[in-house]
Structure formats: structure tokens, C-alpha cells
Amino acid sequence: MTETDFLFYLGVLLFCSGLMIVFTKKNALLILMGIELMLNAANLNLVVFNRQQTGMDGQLFALFVILVAVCEAAVGIAIILRVYHYYKSAVPDQVSDLKEHE
């Protein structure tokens, strides 16, 4: 097994573990962490595939994925904090509706 194969399988393992976290956890912050883990696994695979080619395309795409992950984390945490402030719970199943009652 070469180093490239090892890194590819590591990326697949990270992606599968992130997917398992998203499907099994109830807490919104843990779901967000699972999504981040999946994005980082995609980054790892982009860089591994880029090592097999001569261009910088994979690393450029990885940079964009990192930028999207940072924006997703900032917006996601802001939404989770607002929902927690209103409903006093970070469990998505306990949030009955997102419309404010007046």
C-alpha cells in the first residue's frame, strides 16, 4: 500500500465517521461537527488526488472548501445559539416550529 492509497482510505474513513455522526447524534453542535469532519475528509481527498497530477487544481478547490466550511460553521453556530436562546434546547427534534409567537 502506497502513501497515496493510505491517505485516500483515511479520507474515506473520516468521511464515513462524519456521516455516522450526522445520522446518529441528536445535538445540533455534534451534527455540525460531523459536517465539518466530512468537509475535511473531502479536502484530504482533493489534496491526495492533486498529488497525482501536475496542476494546482485540487489545492485550489481545497482552499474553497475550507472557506465554505468556515462560513458554514459561523452561520451554523449563530443559528444554533439563536435557537437555543429561544427554545432552551440544542436538540433539533425538540424544536417544534421556528416561527415566533407574538
PDB file of N, CA and C in Angstrom:
ATOM      1  N   MET A   1       0.846  -1.172   0.000  1.00  0.00           N
ATOM      2  CA  MET A   1       0.000   0.000   0.000  1.00  0.00           C
ATOM      3  C   MET A   1       0.895   1.240   0.000  1.00  0.00           C
ATOM      4  N   THR A   2       0.631   2.129  -0.923  1.00  0.00           N
ATOM      5  CA  THR A   2       1.426   3.352  -1.020  1.00  0.00           C
ATOM      6  C   THR A   2       0.870   4.415  -0.073  1.00  0.00           C
ATOM      7  N   GLU A   3       1.618   5.488   0.035  1.00  0.00           N
ATOM      8  CA  GLU A   3       1.195   6.590   0.895  1.00  0.00           C
ATOM      9  C   GLU A   3      -0.082   7.231   0.353  1.00  0.00           C
ATOM     10  N   THR A   4      -0.210   7.321  -0.952  1.00  0.00           N
ATOM     11  CA  THR A   4      -1.404   7.894  -1.562  1.00  0.00           C
ATOM     12  C   THR A   4      -2.639   7.045  -1.246  1.00  0.00           C
ATOM     13  N   ASP A   5      -2.500   5.719  -1.335  1.00  0.00           N
ATOM     14  CA  ASP A   5      -3.617   4.843  -1.003  1.00  0.00           C
ATOM     15  C   ASP A   5      -4.021   4.988   0.461  1.00  0.00           C
ATOM     16  N   PHE A   6      -3.009   5.063   1.338  1.00  0.00           N
ATOM     17  CA  PHE A   6      -3.296   5.220   2.760  1.00  0.00           C
ATOM     18  C   PHE A   6      -4.065   6.509   3.034  1.00  0.00           C
ATOM     19  N   LEU A   7      -3.633   7.614   2.412  1.00  0.00           N
ATOM     20  CA  LEU A   7      -4.305   8.894   2.628  1.00  0.00           C
ATOM     21  C   LEU A   7      -5.715   8.884   2.050  1.00  0.00           C
ATOM     22  N   PHE A   8      -5.879   8.216   0.898  1.00  0.00           N
ATOM     23  CA  PHE A   8      -7.216   8.106   0.319  1.00  0.00           C
ATOM     24  C   PHE A   8      -8.148   7.327   1.248  1.00  0.00           C
ATOM     25  N   TYR A   9      -7.694   6.197   1.762  1.00  0.00           N
ATOM     26  CA  TYR A   9      -8.520   5.411   2.674  1.00  0.00           C
ATOM     27  C   TYR A   9      -8.771   6.138   3.992  1.00  0.00           C
ATOM     28  N   LEU A  10      -7.816   6.935   4.434  1.00  0.00           N
ATOM     29  CA  LEU A  10      -8.021   7.753   5.629  1.00  0.00           C
ATOM     30  C   LEU A  10      -9.122   8.784   5.388  1.00  0.00           C
ATOM     31  N   GLY A  11      -9.124   9.401   4.203  1.00  0.00           N
ATOM     32  CA  GLY A  11     -10.182  10.346   3.867  1.00  0.00           C
ATOM     33  C   GLY A  11     -11.544   9.684   3.814  1.00  0.00           C
ATOM     34  N   VAL A  12     -11.608   8.475   3.258  1.00  0.00           N
ATOM     35  CA  VAL A  12     -12.871   7.739   3.219  1.00  0.00           C
ATOM     36  C   VAL A  12     -13.328   7.393   4.630  1.00  0.00           C
ATOM     37  N   LEU A  13     -12.409   6.984   5.491  1.00  0.00           N
ATOM     38  CA  LEU A  13     -12.749   6.656   6.872  1.00  0.00           C
ATOM     39  C   LEU A  13     -13.264   7.888   7.618  1.00  0.00           C
ATOM     40  N   LEU A  14     -12.604   9.026   7.425  1.00  0.00           N
ATOM     41  CA  LEU A  14     -13.062  10.261   8.069  1.00  0.00           C
ATOM     42  C   LEU A  14     -14.439  10.670   7.576  1.00  0.00           C
ATOM     43  N   PHE A  15     -14.674  10.537   6.266  1.00  0.00           N
ATOM     44  CA  PHE A  15     -15.972  10.900   5.712  1.00  0.00           C
ATOM     45  C   PHE A  15     -17.072  10.000   6.270  1.00  0.00           C
ATOM     46  N   CYS A  16     -16.808   8.705   6.331  1.00  0.00           N
ATOM     47  CA  CYS A  16     -17.808   7.766   6.853  1.00  0.00           C
ATOM     48  C   CYS A  16     -18.082   8.008   8.336  1.00  0.00           C
ATOM     49  N   SER A  17     -17.055   8.336   9.105  1.00  0.00           N
ATOM     50  CA  SER A  17     -17.280   8.618  10.525  1.00  0.00           C
ATOM     51  C   SER A  17     -18.057   9.919  10.703  1.00  0.00           C
ATOM     52  N   GLY A  18     -17.792  10.926   9.873  1.00  0.00           N
ATOM     53  CA  GLY A  18     -18.585  12.161   9.925  1.00  0.00           C
ATOM     54  C   GLY A  18     -20.028  11.927   9.549  1.00  0.00           C
ATOM     55  N   LEU A  19     -20.257  11.078   8.544  1.00  0.00           N
ATOM     56  CA  LEU A  19     -21.614  10.743   8.140  1.00  0.00           C
ATOM     57  C   LEU A  19     -22.347   9.990   9.246  1.00  0.00           C
ATOM     58  N   MET A  20     -21.638   9.105   9.925  1.00  0.00           N
ATOM     59  CA  MET A  20     -22.239   8.363  11.028  1.00  0.00           C
ATOM     60  C   MET A  20     -22.601   9.315  12.177  1.00  0.00           C
ATOM     61  N   ILE A  21     -21.752  10.293  12.440  1.00  0.00           N
ATOM     62  CA  ILE A  21     -22.043  11.276  13.487  1.00  0.00           C
ATOM     63  C   ILE A  21     -23.300  12.060  13.137  1.00  0.00           C
ATOM     64  N   VAL A  22     -23.417  12.482  11.875  1.00  0.00           N
ATOM     65  CA  VAL A  22     -24.585  13.262  11.462  1.00  0.00           C
ATOM     66  C   VAL A  22     -25.870  12.462  11.617  1.00  0.00           C
ATOM     67  N   PHE A  23     -25.830  11.165  11.288  1.00  0.00           N
ATOM     68  CA  PHE A  23     -27.041  10.354  11.348  1.00  0.00           C
ATOM     69  C   PHE A  23     -27.389   9.868  12.749  1.00  0.00           C
ATOM     70  N   THR A  24     -26.435   9.786  13.646  1.00  0.00           N
ATOM     71  CA  THR A  24     -26.725   9.189  14.950  1.00  0.00           C
ATOM     72  C   THR A  24     -26.862  10.190  16.089  1.00  0.00           C
ATOM     73  N   LYS A  25     -26.247  11.340  16.018  1.00  0.00           N
ATOM     74  CA  LYS A  25     -26.271  12.273  17.138  1.00  0.00           C
ATOM     75  C   LYS A  25     -27.525  13.131  17.114  1.00  0.00           C
ATOM     76  N   LYS A  26     -27.958  13.540  18.284  1.00  0.00           N
ATOM     77  CA  LYS A  26     -29.156  14.366  18.430  1.00  0.00           C
ATOM     78  C   LYS A  26     -28.834  15.843  18.640  1.00  0.00           C
ATOM     79  N   ASN A  27     -27.651  16.143  19.149  1.00  0.00           N
ATOM     80  CA  ASN A  27     -27.275  17.515  19.456  1.00  0.00           C
ATOM     81  C   ASN A  27     -26.876  18.246  18.180  1.00  0.00           C
ATOM     82  N   ALA A  28     -27.346  19.466  18.007  1.00  0.00           N
ATOM     83  CA  ALA A  28     -27.085  20.230  16.790  1.00  0.00           C
ATOM     84  C   ALA A  28     -25.597  20.559  16.630  1.00  0.00           C
ATOM     85  N   LEU A  29     -24.900  20.810  17.721  1.00  0.00           N
ATOM     86  CA  LEU A  29     -23.467  21.102  17.623  1.00  0.00           C
ATOM     87  C   LEU A  29     -22.678  19.878  17.165  1.00  0.00           C
ATOM     88  N   LEU A  30     -23.065  18.707  17.625  1.00  0.00           N
ATOM     89  CA  LEU A  30     -22.387  17.492  17.190  1.00  0.00           C
ATOM     90  C   LEU A  30     -22.672  17.200  15.720  1.00  0.00           C
ATOM     91  N   ILE A  31     -23.878  17.499  15.268  1.00  0.00           N
ATOM     92  CA  ILE A  31     -24.193  17.349  13.844  1.00  0.00           C
ATOM     93  C   ILE A  31     -23.332  18.288  13.020  1.00  0.00           C
ATOM     94  N   LEU A  32     -23.170  19.519  13.488  1.00  0.00           N
ATOM     95  CA  LEU A  32     -22.320  20.488  12.797  1.00  0.00           C
ATOM     96  C   LEU A  32     -20.868  20.009  12.767  1.00  0.00           C
ATOM     97  N   MET A  33     -20.392  19.396  13.842  1.00  0.00           N
ATOM     98  CA  MET A  33     -19.031  18.856  13.853  1.00  0.00           C
ATOM     99  C   MET A  33     -18.879  17.702  12.874  1.00  0.00           C
ATOM    100  N   GLY A  34     -19.917  16.883  12.721  1.00  0.00           N
ATOM    101  CA  GLY A  34     -19.882  15.805  11.745  1.00  0.00           C
ATOM    102  C   GLY A  34     -19.799  16.329  10.315  1.00  0.00           C
ATOM    103  N   ILE A  35     -20.518  17.396  10.039  1.00  0.00           N
ATOM    104  CA  ILE A  35     -20.454  18.011   8.714  1.00  0.00           C
ATOM    105  C   ILE A  35     -19.058  18.570   8.455  1.00  0.00           C
ATOM    106  N   GLU A  36     -18.473  19.196   9.460  1.00  0.00           N
ATOM    107  CA  GLU A  36     -17.113  19.712   9.314  1.00  0.00           C
ATOM    108  C   GLU A  36     -16.114  18.584   9.056  1.00  0.00           C
ATOM    109  N   LEU A  37     -16.305  17.458   9.721  1.00  0.00           N
ATOM    110  CA  LEU A  37     -15.433  16.307   9.516  1.00  0.00           C
ATOM    111  C   LEU A  37     -15.548  15.786   8.084  1.00  0.00           C
ATOM    112  N   MET A  38     -16.759  15.781   7.543  1.00  0.00           N
ATOM    113  CA  MET A  38     -16.947  15.346   6.159  1.00  0.00           C
ATOM    114  C   MET A  38     -16.294  16.310   5.176  1.00  0.00           C
ATOM    115  N   LEU A  39     -16.378  17.603   5.450  1.00  0.00           N
ATOM    116  CA  LEU A  39     -15.721  18.584   4.572  1.00  0.00           C
ATOM    117  C   LEU A  39     -14.202  18.449   4.626  1.00  0.00           C
ATOM    118  N   ASN A  40     -13.662  18.191   5.798  1.00  0.00           N
ATOM    119  CA  ASN A  40     -12.213  17.992   5.912  1.00  0.00           C
ATOM    120  C   ASN A  40     -11.765  16.711   5.223  1.00  0.00           C
ATOM    121  N   ALA A  41     -12.592  15.673   5.244  1.00  0.00           N
ATOM    122  CA  ALA A  41     -12.268  14.446   4.519  1.00  0.00           C
ATOM    123  C   ALA A  41     -12.262  14.698   3.018  1.00  0.00           C
ATOM    124  N   ALA A  42     -13.208  15.496   2.535  1.00  0.00           N
ATOM    125  CA  ALA A  42     -13.219  15.858   1.115  1.00  0.00           C
ATOM    126  C   ALA A  42     -11.968  16.654   0.757  1.00  0.00           C
ATOM    127  N   ASN A  43     -11.534  17.542   1.650  1.00  0.00           N
ATOM    128  CA  ASN A  43     -10.295  18.294   1.419  1.00  0.00           C
ATOM    129  C   ASN A  43      -9.093  17.371   1.317  1.00  0.00           C
ATOM    130  N   LEU A  44      -9.022  16.411   2.213  1.00  0.00           N
ATOM    131  CA  LEU A  44      -7.910  15.470   2.184  1.00  0.00           C
ATOM    132  C   LEU A  44      -7.883  14.713   0.864  1.00  0.00           C
ATOM    133  N   ASN A  45      -9.025  14.261   0.396  1.00  0.00           N
ATOM    134  CA  ASN A  45      -9.065  13.548  -0.875  1.00  0.00           C
ATOM    135  C   ASN A  45      -8.730  14.453  -2.056  1.00  0.00           C
ATOM    136  N   LEU A  46      -9.133  15.711  -2.013  1.00  0.00           N
ATOM    137  CA  LEU A  46      -8.764  16.644  -3.078  1.00  0.00           C
ATOM    138  C   LEU A  46      -7.249  16.824  -3.152  1.00  0.00           C
ATOM    139  N   VAL A  47      -6.616  16.952  -2.012  1.00  0.00           N
ATOM    140  CA  VAL A  47      -5.165  17.133  -1.994  1.00  0.00           C
ATOM    141  C   VAL A  47      -4.453  15.854  -2.430  1.00  0.00           C
ATOM    142  N   VAL A  48      -4.986  14.692  -2.040  1.00  0.00           N
ATOM    143  CA  VAL A  48      -4.380  13.422  -2.453  1.00  0.00           C
ATOM    144  C   VAL A  48      -4.486  13.258  -3.965  1.00  0.00           C
ATOM    145  N   PHE A  49      -5.646  13.571  -4.531  1.00  0.00           N
ATOM    146  CA  PHE A  49      -5.793  13.476  -5.976  1.00  0.00           C
ATOM    147  C   PHE A  49      -4.917  14.495  -6.701  1.00  0.00           C
ATOM    148  N   ASN A  50      -4.709  15.646  -6.068  1.00  0.00           N
ATOM    149  CA  ASN A  50      -3.853  16.669  -6.675  1.00  0.00           C
ATOM    150  C   ASN A  50      -2.392  16.225  -6.722  1.00  0.00           C
ATOM    151  N   ARG A  51      -1.971  15.403  -5.763  1.00  0.00           N
ATOM    152  CA  ARG A  51      -0.583  14.920  -5.759  1.00  0.00           C
ATOM    153  C   ARG A  51      -0.286  14.041  -6.957  1.00  0.00           C
ATOM    154  N   GLN A  52      -1.317  13.431  -7.548  1.00  0.00           N
ATOM    155  CA  GLN A  52      -1.116  12.561  -8.696  1.00  0.00           C
ATOM    156  C   GLN A  52      -1.067  13.337 -10.006  1.00  0.00           C
ATOM    157  N   GLN A  53      -1.413  14.627  -9.991  1.00  0.00           N
ATOM    158  CA  GLN A  53      -1.400  15.450 -11.187  1.00  0.00           C
ATOM    159  C   GLN A  53      -0.376  16.566 -11.027  1.00  0.00           C
ATOM    160  N   THR A  54      -0.141  17.301 -12.104  1.00  0.00           N
ATOM    161  CA  THR A  54       0.883  18.336 -12.064  1.00  0.00           C
ATOM    162  C   THR A  54       0.340  19.706 -11.673  1.00  0.00           C
ATOM    163  N   GLY A  55      -0.951  19.966 -11.864  1.00  0.00           N
ATOM    164  CA  GLY A  55      -1.519  21.292 -11.601  1.00  0.00           C
ATOM    165  C   GLY A  55      -1.795  21.527 -10.132  1.00  0.00           C
ATOM    166  N   MET A  56      -2.355  22.691  -9.867  1.00  0.00           N
ATOM    167  CA  MET A  56      -2.713  23.093  -8.505  1.00  0.00           C
ATOM    168  C   MET A  56      -4.227  23.116  -8.321  1.00  0.00           C
ATOM    169  N   ASP A  57      -4.965  22.431  -9.191  1.00  0.00           N
ATOM    170  CA  ASP A  57      -6.421  22.497  -9.147  1.00  0.00           C
ATOM    171  C   ASP A  57      -6.985  21.932  -7.847  1.00  0.00           C
ATOM    172  N   GLY A  58      -6.500  20.793  -7.407  1.00  0.00           N
ATOM    173  CA  GLY A  58      -7.010  20.174  -6.187  1.00  0.00           C
ATOM    174  C   GLY A  58      -6.789  21.035  -4.957  1.00  0.00           C
ATOM    175  N   GLN A  59      -5.632  21.656  -4.877  1.00  0.00           N
ATOM    176  CA  GLN A  59      -5.349  22.516  -3.725  1.00  0.00           C
ATOM    177  C   GLN A  59      -6.202  23.782  -3.768  1.00  0.00           C
ATOM    178  N   LEU A  60      -6.484  24.284  -4.966  1.00  0.00           N
ATOM    179  CA  LEU A  60      -7.340  25.458  -5.088  1.00  0.00           C
ATOM    180  C   LEU A  60      -8.770  25.114  -4.660  1.00  0.00           C
ATOM    181  N   PHE A  61      -9.269  23.954  -5.091  1.00  0.00           N
ATOM    182  CA  PHE A  61     -10.591  23.529  -4.656  1.00  0.00           C
ATOM    183  C   PHE A  61     -10.618  23.294  -3.149  1.00  0.00           C
ATOM    184  N   ALA A  62      -9.557  22.744  -2.600  1.00  0.00           N
ATOM    185  CA  ALA A  62      -9.492  22.526  -1.155  1.00  0.00           C
ATOM    186  C   ALA A  62      -9.552  23.852  -0.403  1.00  0.00           C
ATOM    187  N   LEU A  63      -8.913  24.872  -0.931  1.00  0.00           N
ATOM    188  CA  LEU A  63      -8.961  26.201  -0.312  1.00  0.00           C
ATOM    189  C   LEU A  63     -10.390  26.743  -0.312  1.00  0.00           C
ATOM    190  N   PHE A  64     -11.110  26.544  -1.410  1.00  0.00           N
ATOM    191  CA  PHE A  64     -12.501  26.983  -1.461  1.00  0.00           C
ATOM    192  C   PHE A  64     -13.378  26.188  -0.498  1.00  0.00           C
ATOM    193  N   VAL A  65     -13.111  24.906  -0.345  1.00  0.00           N
ATOM    194  CA  VAL A  65     -13.884  24.088   0.592  1.00  0.00           C
ATOM    195  C   VAL A  65     -13.626  24.550   2.023  1.00  0.00           C
ATOM    196  N   ILE A  66     -12.390  24.912   2.333  1.00  0.00           N
ATOM    197  CA  ILE A  66     -12.081  25.450   3.663  1.00  0.00           C
ATOM    198  C   ILE A  66     -12.837  26.749   3.906  1.00  0.00           C
ATOM    199  N   LEU A  67     -12.900  27.605   2.895  1.00  0.00           N
ATOM    200  CA  LEU A  67     -13.635  28.864   3.011  1.00  0.00           C
ATOM    201  C   LEU A  67     -15.119  28.609   3.242  1.00  0.00           C
ATOM    202  N   VAL A  68     -15.701  27.663   2.511  1.00  0.00           N
ATOM    203  CA  VAL A  68     -17.106  27.319   2.693  1.00  0.00           C
ATOM    204  C   VAL A  68     -17.330  26.724   4.081  1.00  0.00           C
ATOM    205  N   ALA A  69     -16.400  25.901   4.564  1.00  0.00           N
ATOM    206  CA  ALA A  69     -16.536  25.290   5.886  1.00  0.00           C
ATOM    207  C   ALA A  69     -16.515  26.345   6.990  1.00  0.00           C
ATOM    208  N   VAL A  70     -15.672  27.349   6.842  1.00  0.00           N
ATOM    209  CA  VAL A  70     -15.616  28.420   7.850  1.00  0.00           C
ATOM    210  C   VAL A  70     -16.921  29.207   7.863  1.00  0.00           C
ATOM    211  N   CYS A  71     -17.435  29.538   6.695  1.00  0.00           N
ATOM    212  CA  CYS A  71     -18.701  30.267   6.621  1.00  0.00           C
ATOM    213  C   CYS A  71     -19.851  29.430   7.165  1.00  0.00           C
ATOM    214  N   GLU A  72     -19.854  28.148   6.833  1.00  0.00           N
ATOM    215  CA  GLU A  72     -20.906  27.249   7.314  1.00  0.00           C
ATOM    216  C   GLU A  72     -20.860  27.129   8.827  1.00  0.00           C
ATOM    217  N   ALA A  73     -19.684  27.057   9.395  1.00  0.00           N
ATOM    218  CA  ALA A  73     -19.556  26.944  10.849  1.00  0.00           C
ATOM    219  C   ALA A  73     -20.032  28.230  11.535  1.00  0.00           C
ATOM    220  N   ALA A  74     -19.669  29.372  10.988  1.00  0.00           N
ATOM    221  CA  ALA A  74     -20.077  30.642  11.604  1.00  0.00           C
ATOM    222  C   ALA A  74     -21.589  30.817  11.561  1.00  0.00           C
ATOM    223  N   VAL A  75     -22.186  30.572  10.420  1.00  0.00           N
ATOM    224  CA  VAL A  75     -23.641  30.718  10.291  1.00  0.00           C
ATOM    225  C   VAL A  75     -24.357  29.638  11.103  1.00  0.00           C
ATOM    226  N   GLY A  76     -23.849  28.414  11.063  1.00  0.00           N
ATOM    227  CA  GLY A  76     -24.478  27.317  11.799  1.00  0.00           C
ATOM    228  C   GLY A  76     -24.467  27.547  13.300  1.00  0.00           C
ATOM    229  N   ILE A  77     -23.345  27.991  13.820  1.00  0.00           N
ATOM    230  CA  ILE A  77     -23.265  28.250  15.267  1.00  0.00           C
ATOM    231  C   ILE A  77     -24.160  29.414  15.657  1.00  0.00           C
ATOM    232  N   ALA A  78     -24.242  30.437  14.814  1.00  0.00           N
ATOM    233  CA  ALA A  78     -25.130  31.564  15.105  1.00  0.00           C
ATOM    234  C   ALA A  78     -26.588  31.112  15.140  1.00  0.00           C
ATOM    235  N   ILE A  79     -26.987  30.263  14.195  1.00  0.00           N
ATOM    236  CA  ILE A  79     -28.358  29.756  14.182  1.00  0.00           C
ATOM    237  C   ILE A  79     -28.608  28.879  15.401  1.00  0.00           C
ATOM    238  N   ILE A  80     -27.667  28.022  15.732  1.00  0.00           N
ATOM    239  CA  ILE A  80     -27.837  27.135  16.891  1.00  0.00           C
ATOM    240  C   ILE A  80     -27.950  27.936  18.182  1.00  0.00           C
ATOM    241  N   LEU A  81     -27.145  28.971  18.331  1.00  0.00           N
ATOM    242  CA  LEU A  81     -27.219  29.800  19.537  1.00  0.00           C
ATOM    243  C   LEU A  81     -28.550  30.537  19.628  1.00  0.00           C
ATOM    244  N   ARG A  82     -29.057  31.024  18.494  1.00  0.00           N
ATOM    245  CA  ARG A  82     -30.346  31.722  18.493  1.00  0.00           C
ATOM    246  C   ARG A  82     -31.484  30.760  18.827  1.00  0.00           C
ATOM    247  N   VAL A  83     -31.444  29.561  18.249  1.00  0.00           N
ATOM    248  CA  VAL A  83     -32.476  28.565  18.545  1.00  0.00           C
ATOM    249  C   VAL A  83     -32.389  28.141  20.005  1.00  0.00           C
ATOM    250  N   TYR A  84     -31.180  27.974  20.527  1.00  0.00           N
ATOM    251  CA  TYR A  84     -31.025  27.601  21.938  1.00  0.00           C
ATOM    252  C   TYR A  84     -31.548  28.708  22.854  1.00  0.00           C
ATOM    253  N   HIS A  85     -31.303  29.962  22.482  1.00  0.00           N
ATOM    254  CA  HIS A  85     -31.782  31.077  23.299  1.00  0.00           C
ATOM    255  C   HIS A  85     -33.311  31.099  23.351  1.00  0.00           C
ATOM    256  N   TYR A  86     -33.943  30.760  22.251  1.00  0.00           N
ATOM    257  CA  TYR A  86     -35.402  30.815  22.196  1.00  0.00           C
ATOM    258  C   TYR A  86     -36.056  29.567  22.785  1.00  0.00           C
ATOM    259  N   TYR A  87     -35.539  28.368  22.438  1.00  0.00           N
ATOM    260  CA  TYR A  87     -36.168  27.121  22.858  1.00  0.00           C
ATOM    261  C   TYR A  87     -35.516  26.464  24.072  1.00  0.00           C
ATOM    262  N   LYS A  88     -34.378  26.950  24.517  1.00  0.00           N
ATOM    263  CA  LYS A  88     -33.632  26.370  25.645  1.00  0.00           C
ATOM    264  C   LYS A  88     -33.247  24.915  25.384  1.00  0.00           C
ATOM    265  N   SER A  89     -32.983  24.580  24.122  1.00  0.00           N
ATOM    266  CA  SER A  89     -32.577  23.228  23.760  1.00  0.00           C
ATOM    267  C   SER A  89     -31.774  23.285  22.465  1.00  0.00           C
ATOM    268  N   ALA A  90     -30.747  22.439  22.384  1.00  0.00           N
ATOM    269  CA  ALA A  90     -29.946  22.346  21.164  1.00  0.00           C
ATOM    270  C   ALA A  90     -30.236  21.062  20.403  1.00  0.00           C
ATOM    271  N   VAL A  91     -31.311  20.383  20.773  1.00  0.00           N
ATOM    272  CA  VAL A  91     -31.715  19.145  20.105  1.00  0.00           C
ATOM    273  C   VAL A  91     -32.722  19.507  19.016  1.00  0.00           C
ATOM    274  N   PRO A  92     -32.409  19.232  17.741  1.00  0.00           N
ATOM    275  CA  PRO A  92     -33.310  19.641  16.654  1.00  0.00           C
ATOM    276  C   PRO A  92     -34.697  19.011  16.743  1.00  0.00           C
ATOM    277  N   ASP A  93     -34.844  17.827  17.332  1.00  0.00           N
ATOM    278  CA  ASP A  93     -36.153  17.193  17.435  1.00  0.00           C
ATOM    279  C   ASP A  93     -37.088  17.918  18.403  1.00  0.00           C
ATOM    280  N   GLN A  94     -36.541  18.674  19.331  1.00  0.00           N
ATOM    281  CA  GLN A  94     -37.361  19.364  20.315  1.00  0.00           C
ATOM    282  C   GLN A  94     -37.809  20.742  19.848  1.00  0.00           C
ATOM    283  N   VAL A  95     -37.323  21.190  18.722  1.00  0.00           N
ATOM    284  CA  VAL A  95     -37.732  22.481  18.179  1.00  0.00           C
ATOM    285  C   VAL A  95     -38.984  22.237  17.341  1.00  0.00           C
ATOM    286  N   SER A  96     -40.119  22.702  17.854  1.00  0.00           N
ATOM    287  CA  SER A  96     -41.388  22.389  17.194  1.00  0.00           C
ATOM    288  C   SER A  96     -41.642  23.265  15.976  1.00  0.00           C
ATOM    289  N   ASP A  97     -41.403  24.550  16.090  1.00  0.00           N
ATOM    290  CA  ASP A  97     -41.543  25.434  14.936  1.00  0.00           C
ATOM    291  C   ASP A  97     -40.558  26.582  15.096  1.00  0.00           C
ATOM    292  N   LEU A  98     -40.195  27.198  13.983  1.00  0.00           N
ATOM    293  CA  LEU A  98     -39.219  28.278  14.026  1.00  0.00           C
ATOM    294  C   LEU A  98     -39.867  29.654  13.922  1.00  0.00           C
ATOM    295  N   LYS A  99     -41.177  29.728  13.982  1.00  0.00           N
ATOM    296  CA  LYS A  99     -41.884  30.984  13.899  1.00  0.00           C
ATOM    297  C   LYS A  99     -42.124  31.518  15.303  1.00  0.00           C
ATOM    298  N   GLU A 100     -41.814  32.794  15.531  1.00  0.00           N
ATOM    299  CA  GLU A 100     -42.014  33.388  16.850  1.00  0.00           C
ATOM    300  C   GLU A 100     -43.483  33.633  17.100  1.00  0.00           C
ATOM    301  N   HIS A 101     -43.900  33.361  18.321  1.00  0.00           N
ATOM    302  CA  HIS A 101     -45.267  33.634  18.720  1.00  0.00           C
ATOM    303  C   HIS A 101     -45.324  35.011  19.351  1.00  0.00           C
ATOM    304  N   GLU A 102     -46.308  35.781  18.954  1.00  0.00           N
ATOM    305  CA  GLU A 102     -46.403  37.142  19.494  1.00  0.00           C
ATOM    306  C   GLU A 102     -47.541  37.300  20.443  1.00  0.00           C
TER     307      GLU A 102
END
